[in-house]
Amino acid sequence: MSAKKRKKSAPASKNNNGDYLALPSIQLSDSARRSLGIVLVFALAFISFLGLFDLSGVVGQFFSKWLSIIFGLGRWLVPLLFFIWGMLLVSNKKYEVKFTDYLGVILLFISTQSLLHFFLEKDFWKVAASEGRGGGYIGYWLSEGFFYLFGFWGGVVILFLLFLSSLVLVFNTSLSKLI
């Protein structure tokens, strides 16, 4: 008996790239891809904004629910941030973003979310977060830390100073010009 070598072939449904299902190739220019990204950002802005008023169906309700639980009253800033991001993308200008810009935005976020939650009655902080009040769960967790470290009034002072510092960093200006 002679053994014949069989050539192994790929299964019939497999293409040369190893994929079992060949998806159509989408050839878009860079400007077309950028434009679709801008449309997506504006869609997120408008759907999340309308969802806060229960005007965008089930998807809007989903956004509203999760934005409320995560950010509490800070949920109103999310659609605004998406809109600003979309406008920056449309303007097509190059912005030099520095470390201090990131630091300022982070401090602004921490201070506002905490302050939104800090003035609720402490015994109900977790319940308020689960209901989307105050600073949501992010505000709750941050407030717990600041309250533990500094107490109520010390926490308020530190958070207010963090808020002022964040504005100085974000706007790259002096405190006297802000006040």
Foldseek 3Di string as FASTA:
>chain_A
DDDDDDDDDDPPQADPVRDSDDDDDDDDDPVVVLVVVLVVLLVVLVLCQCLCVPRNPPVSVVSNLVLLQQFQVCSNCVSVVSVVVSVVSVVVDDDDDDPLQVVLVVLQSLLQQQVQQLPDPLVCSQVCLNVSHRGHPSNSVSNVVLCVVQNNVRSNVVSVVSNLSSVCSNVVHDSVVVD
